[in-house]
Amino acid sequence: MSKFLLHINGKSYPIEAQDDESLLSVLRNHLSLTGTKYGCGEGQCGACTVLMDGAATRSCQIPAAAAADAKIMTIEGLEQSGRLTPVQEAFLQEGAFQCGYCTSGMIMAASALLHDNHAPTDEQIVTAMNGNVCRCGTYPRILAAIRRASSASAGGAR
């Protein structure tokens, strides 16, 4: 067991966890931040994507203790004062999800992309989102949502 501090969504949390316990497990099971989903457990589907120091990161592949010095943002931390981000709004407006299982990971990956590139091309969007799997196949709507968020967020989506 290790004791460490995690910095998540602007708050610090003292954690005691097994040395090999994933960040995803700590988020969901210790902190009840269940917006981040368990998908494949191998970092291949993107359902567990969070932002770690601004970069889209597969939380199922990171030992929680290794994330102790990072600033972590989960889907729960995106909205501020009841206002959704341009990416969240665009996903709603475009109906870019059906079952919703991939949505938090898609939104987090798109947020990282738009933070770094305010006006990505379709090719850049596809490249950045590669590896985020949508079981329902709503990829055209996801692409449209990211395009819409890009237009709406002069200055970035986060």
N, C-alpha and C. Protein backbone atom coordinates (compact mmCIF):
# COMPACT_ATOMS: atom_id res chain seq x y z
N MET A 1 0.84 -1.19 0.00
CA MET A 1 0.00 0.00 0.00
C MET A 1 0.88 1.24 0.00
N SER A 2 0.43 2.21 -0.79
CA SER A 2 1.12 3.50 -0.85
C SER A 2 0.15 4.60 -0.45
N LYS A 3 0.68 5.64 0.15
CA LYS A 3 -0.10 6.83 0.46
C LYS A 3 0.45 7.97 -0.38
N PHE A 4 -0.45 8.72 -1.01
CA PHE A 4 -0.04 9.82 -1.86
C PHE A 4 -1.21 10.78 -2.01
N LEU A 5 -0.96 11.90 -2.64
CA LEU A 5 -1.97 12.93 -2.86
C LEU A 5 -2.24 13.03 -4.36
N LEU A 6 -3.50 12.99 -4.73
CA LEU A 6 -3.89 13.20 -6.13
C LEU A 6 -4.56 14.55 -6.26
N HIS A 7 -4.26 15.25 -7.34
CA HIS A 7 -4.83 16.57 -7.62
C HIS A 7 -5.81 16.41 -8.78
N ILE A 8 -7.10 16.39 -8.45
CA ILE A 8 -8.14 16.07 -9.43
C ILE A 8 -9.19 17.17 -9.45
N ASN A 9 -9.45 17.68 -10.63
CA ASN A 9 -10.50 18.69 -10.83
C ASN A 9 -10.35 19.87 -9.86
N GLY A 10 -9.11 20.26 -9.63
CA GLY A 10 -8.83 21.42 -8.79
C GLY A 10 -8.85 21.16 -7.29
N LYS A 11 -8.99 19.91 -6.88
CA LYS A 11 -8.98 19.56 -5.46
C LYS A 11 -7.90 18.51 -5.21
N SER A 12 -7.42 18.45 -3.98
CA SER A 12 -6.42 17.45 -3.61
C SER A 12 -7.07 16.38 -2.74
N TYR A 13 -6.71 15.14 -3.03
CA TYR A 13 -7.28 14.00 -2.32
C TYR A 13 -6.17 13.10 -1.78
N PRO A 14 -6.14 12.89 -0.45
CA PRO A 14 -5.20 11.90 0.08
C PRO A 14 -5.71 10.50 -0.27
N ILE A 15 -4.83 9.69 -0.79
CA ILE A 15 -5.21 8.35 -1.26
C ILE A 15 -4.30 7.31 -0.63
N GLU A 16 -4.87 6.17 -0.32
CA GLU A 16 -4.11 4.99 0.07
C GLU A 16 -4.55 3.87 -0.87
N ALA A 17 -3.61 3.38 -1.65
CA ALA A 17 -3.96 2.39 -2.67
C ALA A 17 -2.82 1.39 -2.86
N GLN A 18 -3.16 0.26 -3.45
CA GLN A 18 -2.15 -0.73 -3.80
C GLN A 18 -1.18 -0.12 -4.80
N ASP A 19 0.06 -0.55 -4.77
CA ASP A 19 1.09 0.02 -5.64
C ASP A 19 0.75 -0.10 -7.12
N ASP A 20 0.06 -1.16 -7.49
CA ASP A 20 -0.26 -1.37 -8.90
C ASP A 20 -1.70 -0.97 -9.27
N GLU A 21 -2.41 -0.34 -8.36
CA GLU A 21 -3.79 0.04 -8.65
C GLU A 21 -3.82 1.19 -9.64
N SER A 22 -4.66 1.06 -10.64
CA SER A 22 -4.71 2.06 -11.71
C SER A 22 -5.39 3.34 -11.25
N LEU A 23 -5.06 4.41 -11.94
CA LEU A 23 -5.72 5.68 -11.70
C LEU A 23 -7.22 5.55 -11.91
N LEU A 24 -7.62 4.81 -12.94
CA LEU A 24 -9.04 4.59 -13.20
C LEU A 24 -9.73 3.97 -11.99
N SER A 25 -9.13 2.96 -11.42
CA SER A 25 -9.71 2.29 -10.26
C SER A 25 -9.84 3.24 -9.08
N VAL A 26 -8.82 4.05 -8.84
CA VAL A 26 -8.88 5.01 -7.74
C VAL A 26 -9.97 6.04 -8.00
N LEU A 27 -10.05 6.56 -9.21
CA LEU A 27 -11.09 7.53 -9.54
C LEU A 27 -12.48 6.97 -9.26
N ARG A 28 -12.73 5.78 -9.76
CA ARG A 28 -14.06 5.19 -9.66
C ARG A 28 -14.35 4.62 -8.27
N ASN A 29 -13.41 3.87 -7.72
CA ASN A 29 -13.70 3.09 -6.51
C ASN A 29 -13.36 3.81 -5.20
N HIS A 30 -12.40 4.71 -5.23
CA HIS A 30 -12.04 5.45 -4.01
C HIS A 30 -12.73 6.81 -3.95
N LEU A 31 -12.90 7.44 -5.10
CA LEU A 31 -13.40 8.82 -5.13
C LEU A 31 -14.80 8.96 -5.72
N SER A 32 -15.38 7.86 -6.18
CA SER A 32 -16.73 7.86 -6.77
C SER A 32 -16.87 8.81 -7.95
N LEU A 33 -15.79 9.00 -8.69
CA LEU A 33 -15.83 9.78 -9.93
C LEU A 33 -16.05 8.79 -11.07
N THR A 34 -17.30 8.46 -11.29
CA THR A 34 -17.64 7.36 -12.20
C THR A 34 -17.89 7.79 -13.64
N GLY A 35 -17.68 9.04 -13.95
CA GLY A 35 -17.82 9.48 -15.34
C GLY A 35 -16.77 8.88 -16.24
N THR A 36 -15.60 8.61 -15.69
CA THR A 36 -14.53 7.95 -16.43
C THR A 36 -14.86 6.47 -16.45
N LYS A 37 -14.96 5.89 -17.62
CA LYS A 37 -15.45 4.51 -17.76
C LYS A 37 -14.34 3.48 -17.91
N TYR A 38 -14.61 2.28 -17.43
CA TYR A 38 -13.76 1.12 -17.70
C TYR A 38 -14.27 0.51 -18.99
N GLY A 39 -13.40 0.39 -19.96
CA GLY A 39 -13.78 -0.22 -21.24
C GLY A 39 -13.04 -1.53 -21.41
N CYS A 40 -11.87 -1.46 -22.02
CA CYS A 40 -11.11 -2.66 -22.33
C CYS A 40 -10.06 -3.00 -21.27
N GLY A 41 -9.65 -2.02 -20.48
CA GLY A 41 -8.62 -2.25 -19.48
C GLY A 41 -7.21 -2.35 -20.05
N GLU A 42 -7.08 -2.11 -21.35
CA GLU A 42 -5.78 -2.24 -22.02
C GLU A 42 -5.34 -0.95 -22.71
N GLY A 43 -6.05 0.15 -22.48
CA GLY A 43 -5.69 1.42 -23.08
C GLY A 43 -5.99 1.52 -24.56
N GLN A 44 -6.85 0.66 -25.08
CA GLN A 44 -7.11 0.63 -26.51
C GLN A 44 -8.44 1.27 -26.93
N CYS A 45 -9.38 1.44 -25.98
CA CYS A 45 -10.70 1.92 -26.39
C CYS A 45 -10.95 3.40 -26.08
N GLY A 46 -10.22 3.97 -25.13
CA GLY A 46 -10.36 5.38 -24.83
C GLY A 46 -11.46 5.75 -23.85
N ALA A 47 -12.26 4.80 -23.39
CA ALA A 47 -13.35 5.12 -22.47
C ALA A 47 -12.84 5.70 -21.16
N CYS A 48 -11.61 5.39 -20.80
CA CYS A 48 -11.05 5.83 -19.52
C CYS A 48 -10.22 7.10 -19.64
N THR A 49 -10.31 7.81 -20.74
CA THR A 49 -9.46 8.98 -20.98
C THR A 49 -9.75 10.10 -20.00
N VAL A 50 -8.68 10.61 -19.40
CA VAL A 50 -8.71 11.80 -18.55
C VAL A 50 -7.63 12.74 -19.08
N LEU A 51 -7.61 13.95 -18.58
CA LEU A 51 -6.52 14.86 -18.91
C LEU A 51 -5.53 14.83 -17.76
N MET A 52 -4.28 14.57 -18.09
CA MET A 52 -3.21 14.59 -17.10
C MET A 52 -2.23 15.66 -17.55
N ASP A 53 -2.14 16.73 -16.78
CA ASP A 53 -1.36 17.90 -17.17
C ASP A 53 -1.72 18.35 -18.58
N GLY A 54 -3.02 18.28 -18.90
CA GLY A 54 -3.54 18.74 -20.17
C GLY A 54 -3.52 17.75 -21.30
N ALA A 55 -2.85 16.62 -21.12
CA ALA A 55 -2.74 15.62 -22.19
C ALA A 55 -3.77 14.51 -21.99
N ALA A 56 -4.39 14.09 -23.09
CA ALA A 56 -5.31 12.95 -23.04
C ALA A 56 -4.53 11.71 -22.63
N THR A 57 -4.98 11.05 -21.56
CA THR A 57 -4.25 9.93 -20.97
C THR A 57 -5.22 8.81 -20.63
N ARG A 58 -4.84 7.59 -20.94
CA ARG A 58 -5.66 6.42 -20.61
C ARG A 58 -5.43 6.07 -19.14
N SER A 59 -6.42 6.34 -18.31
CA SER A 59 -6.26 6.17 -16.86
C SER A 59 -6.19 4.71 -16.43
N CYS A 60 -6.59 3.79 -17.29
CA CYS A 60 -6.50 2.37 -16.93
C CYS A 60 -5.06 1.87 -17.00
N GLN A 61 -4.18 2.63 -17.64
CA GLN A 61 -2.80 2.21 -17.85
C GLN A 61 -1.81 2.89 -16.92
N ILE A 62 -2.27 3.85 -16.13
CA ILE A 62 -1.40 4.62 -15.26
C ILE A 62 -1.58 4.17 -13.82
N PRO A 63 -0.51 3.72 -13.16
CA PRO A 63 -0.64 3.46 -11.73
C PRO A 63 -1.00 4.77 -11.02
N ALA A 64 -1.94 4.72 -10.12
CA ALA A 64 -2.41 5.94 -9.46
C ALA A 64 -1.27 6.70 -8.79
N ALA A 65 -0.37 5.99 -8.17
CA ALA A 65 0.75 6.64 -7.48
C ALA A 65 1.63 7.42 -8.46
N ALA A 66 1.70 6.98 -9.70
CA ALA A 66 2.51 7.67 -10.72
C ALA A 66 1.87 8.99 -11.15
N ALA A 67 0.61 9.18 -10.82
CA ALA A 67 -0.10 10.40 -11.18
C ALA A 67 -0.11 11.43 -10.06
N ALA A 68 0.61 11.15 -8.98
CA ALA A 68 0.55 11.99 -7.78
C ALA A 68 0.98 13.43 -8.02
N ASP A 69 1.91 13.68 -8.90
CA ASP A 69 2.38 15.05 -9.12
C ASP A 69 1.65 15.76 -10.26
N ALA A 70 0.72 15.09 -10.90
CA ALA A 70 0.04 15.64 -12.07
C ALA A 70 -1.25 16.35 -11.68
N LYS A 71 -1.68 17.26 -12.55
CA LYS A 71 -3.00 17.86 -12.44
C LYS A 71 -3.92 17.04 -13.32
N ILE A 72 -4.90 16.41 -12.71
CA ILE A 72 -5.79 15.50 -13.41
C ILE A 72 -7.16 16.15 -13.54
N MET A 73 -7.73 16.03 -14.74
CA MET A 73 -9.08 16.53 -14.98
C MET A 73 -9.91 15.36 -15.49
N THR A 74 -11.06 15.14 -14.85
CA THR A 74 -12.00 14.13 -15.31
C THR A 74 -13.20 14.84 -15.94
N ILE A 75 -14.07 14.07 -16.53
CA ILE A 75 -15.27 14.65 -17.15
C ILE A 75 -16.08 15.45 -16.14
N GLU A 76 -16.05 15.04 -14.88
CA GLU A 76 -16.81 15.77 -13.84
C GLU A 76 -16.25 17.17 -13.61
N GLY A 77 -15.00 17.39 -13.93
CA GLY A 77 -14.37 18.68 -13.68
C GLY A 77 -14.45 19.68 -14.82
N LEU A 78 -14.99 19.27 -15.95
CA LEU A 78 -15.01 20.19 -17.10
C LEU A 78 -15.98 21.34 -16.92
N GLU A 79 -17.21 21.06 -16.57
CA GLU A 79 -18.18 22.15 -16.45
C GLU A 79 -17.78 23.04 -15.28
N GLN A 80 -18.01 24.32 -15.43
CA GLN A 80 -17.68 25.29 -14.40
C GLN A 80 -18.90 26.15 -14.11
N SER A 81 -19.30 26.19 -12.85
CA SER A 81 -20.44 27.01 -12.42
C SER A 81 -21.70 26.70 -13.23
N GLY A 82 -21.90 25.42 -13.51
CA GLY A 82 -23.09 25.00 -14.24
C GLY A 82 -23.05 25.21 -15.74
N ARG A 83 -21.90 25.64 -16.26
CA ARG A 83 -21.76 25.88 -17.70
C ARG A 83 -20.92 24.79 -18.32
N LEU A 84 -21.43 24.19 -19.37
CA LEU A 84 -20.69 23.17 -20.10
C LEU A 84 -19.63 23.85 -20.98
N THR A 85 -18.60 23.10 -21.29
CA THR A 85 -17.57 23.60 -22.21
C THR A 85 -18.12 23.56 -23.64
N PRO A 86 -17.48 24.26 -24.56
CA PRO A 86 -17.90 24.18 -25.96
C PRO A 86 -17.92 22.74 -26.49
N VAL A 87 -16.99 21.91 -26.06
CA VAL A 87 -16.97 20.51 -26.52
C VAL A 87 -18.20 19.77 -26.00
N GLN A 88 -18.51 19.92 -24.72
CA GLN A 88 -19.69 19.26 -24.17
C GLN A 88 -20.97 19.73 -24.85
N GLU A 89 -21.08 21.05 -25.05
CA GLU A 89 -22.26 21.61 -25.73
C GLU A 89 -22.38 21.05 -27.15
N ALA A 90 -21.27 20.99 -27.85
CA ALA A 90 -21.29 20.51 -29.23
C ALA A 90 -21.70 19.04 -29.31
N PHE A 91 -21.23 18.22 -28.38
CA PHE A 91 -21.63 16.81 -28.37
C PHE A 91 -23.13 16.69 -28.18
N LEU A 92 -23.71 17.53 -27.32
CA LEU A 92 -25.16 17.52 -27.14
C LEU A 92 -25.87 17.99 -28.40
N GLN A 93 -25.42 19.11 -28.96
CA GLN A 93 -26.09 19.68 -30.13
C GLN A 93 -26.03 18.77 -31.35
N GLU A 94 -24.94 18.03 -31.49
CA GLU A 94 -24.79 17.15 -32.65
C GLU A 94 -25.33 15.75 -32.40
N GLY A 95 -25.78 15.45 -31.18
CA GLY A 95 -26.24 14.10 -30.86
C GLY A 95 -25.13 13.09 -31.07
N ALA A 96 -23.94 13.43 -30.59
CA ALA A 96 -22.73 12.66 -30.90
C ALA A 96 -22.55 11.44 -30.00
N PHE A 97 -23.63 10.90 -29.53
CA PHE A 97 -23.55 9.68 -28.73
C PHE A 97 -24.89 8.98 -28.76
N GLN A 98 -24.85 7.69 -28.54
CA GLN A 98 -26.09 6.93 -28.41
C GLN A 98 -26.12 6.28 -27.04
N CYS A 99 -25.33 5.25 -26.86
CA CYS A 99 -25.33 4.59 -25.55
C CYS A 99 -24.60 5.43 -24.51
N GLY A 100 -23.68 6.30 -24.94
CA GLY A 100 -22.99 7.20 -24.04
C GLY A 100 -21.75 6.64 -23.38
N TYR A 101 -21.45 5.38 -23.61
CA TYR A 101 -20.32 4.78 -22.91
C TYR A 101 -18.98 5.42 -23.28
N CYS A 102 -18.81 5.77 -24.52
CA CYS A 102 -17.55 6.36 -24.98
C CYS A 102 -17.48 7.86 -24.76
N THR A 103 -18.61 8.47 -24.45
CA THR A 103 -18.73 9.92 -24.51
C THR A 103 -17.73 10.66 -23.64
N SER A 104 -17.55 10.26 -22.39
CA SER A 104 -16.62 11.01 -21.54
C SER A 104 -15.20 10.94 -22.10
N GLY A 105 -14.78 9.78 -22.56
CA GLY A 105 -13.44 9.65 -23.14
C GLY A 105 -13.30 10.46 -24.42
N MET A 106 -14.34 10.45 -25.24
CA MET A 106 -14.31 11.24 -26.48
C MET A 106 -14.22 12.74 -26.16
N ILE A 107 -15.01 13.19 -25.20
CA ILE A 107 -15.00 14.61 -24.84
C ILE A 107 -13.64 15.01 -24.27
N MET A 108 -13.06 14.15 -23.45
CA MET A 108 -11.76 14.48 -22.87
C MET A 108 -10.68 14.54 -23.96
N ALA A 109 -10.69 13.58 -24.88
CA ALA A 109 -9.70 13.58 -25.97
C ALA A 109 -9.90 14.80 -26.87
N ALA A 110 -11.14 15.12 -27.18
CA ALA A 110 -11.43 16.30 -28.01
C ALA A 110 -11.02 17.58 -27.29
N SER A 111 -11.22 17.64 -26.00
CA SER A 111 -10.83 18.82 -25.22
C SER A 111 -9.32 19.03 -25.28
N ALA A 112 -8.57 17.94 -25.15
CA ALA A 112 -7.10 18.04 -25.23
C ALA A 112 -6.69 18.52 -26.63
N LEU A 113 -7.31 17.96 -27.65
CA LEU A 113 -7.00 18.37 -29.02
C LEU A 113 -7.24 19.86 -29.21
N LEU A 114 -8.42 20.33 -28.82
CA LEU A 114 -8.78 21.73 -29.07
C LEU A 114 -8.01 22.70 -28.17
N HIS A 115 -7.50 22.20 -27.07
CA HIS A 115 -6.63 23.05 -26.25
C HIS A 115 -5.33 23.33 -26.98
N ASP A 116 -4.82 22.31 -27.66
CA ASP A 116 -3.54 22.43 -28.37
C ASP A 116 -3.68 22.97 -29.78
N ASN A 117 -4.83 22.75 -30.40
CA ASN A 117 -5.04 23.14 -31.79
C ASN A 117 -6.46 23.68 -31.92
N HIS A 118 -6.60 24.98 -31.95
CA HIS A 118 -7.92 25.61 -31.92
C HIS A 118 -8.71 25.44 -33.21
N ALA A 119 -8.03 25.10 -34.30
CA ALA A 119 -8.71 24.96 -35.59
C ALA A 119 -8.17 23.74 -36.33
N PRO A 120 -8.40 22.55 -35.80
CA PRO A 120 -7.86 21.36 -36.47
C PRO A 120 -8.59 21.04 -37.77
N THR A 121 -7.86 20.44 -38.69
CA THR A 121 -8.48 19.93 -39.91
C THR A 121 -9.19 18.62 -39.57
N ASP A 122 -10.02 18.14 -40.48
CA ASP A 122 -10.68 16.86 -40.26
C ASP A 122 -9.64 15.75 -40.05
N GLU A 123 -8.57 15.80 -40.83
CA GLU A 123 -7.53 14.79 -40.70
C GLU A 123 -6.88 14.84 -39.32
N GLN A 124 -6.64 16.04 -38.80
CA GLN A 124 -6.06 16.17 -37.47
C GLN A 124 -7.02 15.69 -36.38
N ILE A 125 -8.30 15.94 -36.57
CA ILE A 125 -9.30 15.44 -35.62
C ILE A 125 -9.29 13.92 -35.61
N VAL A 126 -9.35 13.33 -36.79
CA VAL A 126 -9.37 11.86 -36.89
C VAL A 126 -8.11 11.27 -36.26
N THR A 127 -6.96 11.87 -36.52
CA THR A 127 -5.71 11.37 -35.94
C THR A 127 -5.74 11.47 -34.42
N ALA A 128 -6.20 12.60 -33.89
CA ALA A 128 -6.23 12.79 -32.44
C ALA A 128 -7.23 11.86 -31.76
N MET A 129 -8.31 11.55 -32.44
CA MET A 129 -9.36 10.72 -31.85
C MET A 129 -9.14 9.23 -32.12
N ASN A 130 -8.15 8.90 -32.94
CA ASN A 130 -7.86 7.51 -33.25
C ASN A 130 -7.59 6.75 -31.96
N GLY A 131 -8.26 5.63 -31.80
CA GLY A 131 -8.10 4.84 -30.58
C GLY A 131 -9.22 5.07 -29.58
N ASN A 132 -10.05 6.07 -29.81
CA ASN A 132 -11.26 6.23 -29.00
C ASN A 132 -12.37 5.52 -29.76
N VAL A 133 -12.87 4.46 -29.19
CA VAL A 133 -13.82 3.59 -29.88
C VAL A 133 -15.25 3.91 -29.46
N CYS A 134 -16.11 4.06 -30.46
CA CYS A 134 -17.54 4.24 -30.24
C CYS A 134 -18.24 2.96 -30.69
N ARG A 135 -18.81 2.26 -29.75
CA ARG A 135 -19.50 1.00 -30.06
C ARG A 135 -20.69 1.21 -30.99
N CYS A 136 -21.29 2.38 -30.93
CA CYS A 136 -22.49 2.65 -31.72
C CYS A 136 -22.17 3.20 -33.11
N GLY A 137 -20.93 3.58 -33.34
CA GLY A 137 -20.53 4.05 -34.65
C GLY A 137 -20.96 5.47 -34.99
N THR A 138 -21.01 6.35 -34.01
CA THR A 138 -21.46 7.72 -34.29
C THR A 138 -20.30 8.63 -34.71
N TYR A 139 -19.31 8.08 -35.33
CA TYR A 139 -18.12 8.84 -35.71
C TYR A 139 -18.42 10.10 -36.53
N PRO A 140 -19.33 10.05 -37.51
CA PRO A 140 -19.62 11.29 -38.26
C PRO A 140 -20.15 12.41 -37.35
N ARG A 141 -20.99 12.06 -36.38
CA ARG A 141 -21.52 13.07 -35.46
C ARG A 141 -20.45 13.56 -34.48
N ILE A 142 -19.54 12.65 -34.10
CA ILE A 142 -18.43 13.05 -33.22
C ILE A 142 -17.54 14.05 -33.96
N LEU A 143 -17.23 13.76 -35.20
CA LEU A 143 -16.43 14.67 -36.02
C LEU A 143 -17.13 16.02 -36.15
N ALA A 144 -18.43 15.99 -36.41
CA ALA A 144 -19.20 17.23 -36.53
C ALA A 144 -19.19 18.01 -35.21
N ALA A 145 -19.28 17.31 -34.10
CA ALA A 145 -19.26 17.96 -32.78
C ALA A 145 -17.93 18.65 -32.53
N ILE A 146 -16.85 17.99 -32.89
CA ILE A 146 -15.53 18.59 -32.67
C ILE A 146 -15.34 19.79 -33.58
N ARG A 147 -15.82 19.69 -34.82
CA ARG A 147 -15.78 20.84 -35.72
C ARG A 147 -16.57 22.01 -35.12
N ARG A 148 -17.77 21.71 -34.62
CA ARG A 148 -18.63 22.75 -34.02
C ARG A 148 -17.94 23.37 -32.81
N ALA A 149 -17.36 22.55 -31.96
CA ALA A 149 -16.68 23.06 -30.75
C ALA A 149 -15.49 23.93 -31.15
N SER A 150 -14.80 23.53 -32.20
CA SER A 150 -13.66 24.31 -32.68
C SER A 150 -14.11 25.70 -33.10
N SER A 151 -15.23 25.78 -33.79
CA SER A 151 -15.79 27.06 -34.24
C SER A 151 -16.27 27.89 -33.06
N ALA A 152 -16.83 27.22 -32.04
CA ALA A 152 -17.43 27.91 -30.91
C ALA A 152 -16.42 28.37 -29.88
N SER A 153 -15.24 27.79 -29.88
CA SER A 153 -14.31 28.05 -28.78
C SER A 153 -13.08 28.82 -29.24
N ALA A 154 -13.28 30.05 -29.58
CA ALA A 154 -12.12 30.89 -29.93
C ALA A 154 -11.26 31.01 -28.68
N GLY A 155 -10.14 30.38 -28.67
CA GLY A 155 -9.31 30.36 -27.48
C GLY A 155 -9.21 28.99 -26.86
N GLY A 156 -9.89 28.00 -27.43
CA GLY A 156 -9.70 26.63 -26.95
C GLY A 156 -10.84 26.14 -26.10
N ALA A 157 -10.98 24.82 -26.07
CA ALA A 157 -12.05 24.17 -25.31
C ALA A 157 -11.58 23.75 -23.93
N ARG A 158 -10.34 23.90 -23.62
CA ARG A 158 -9.72 23.58 -22.32
C ARG A 158 -8.33 23.18 -22.54
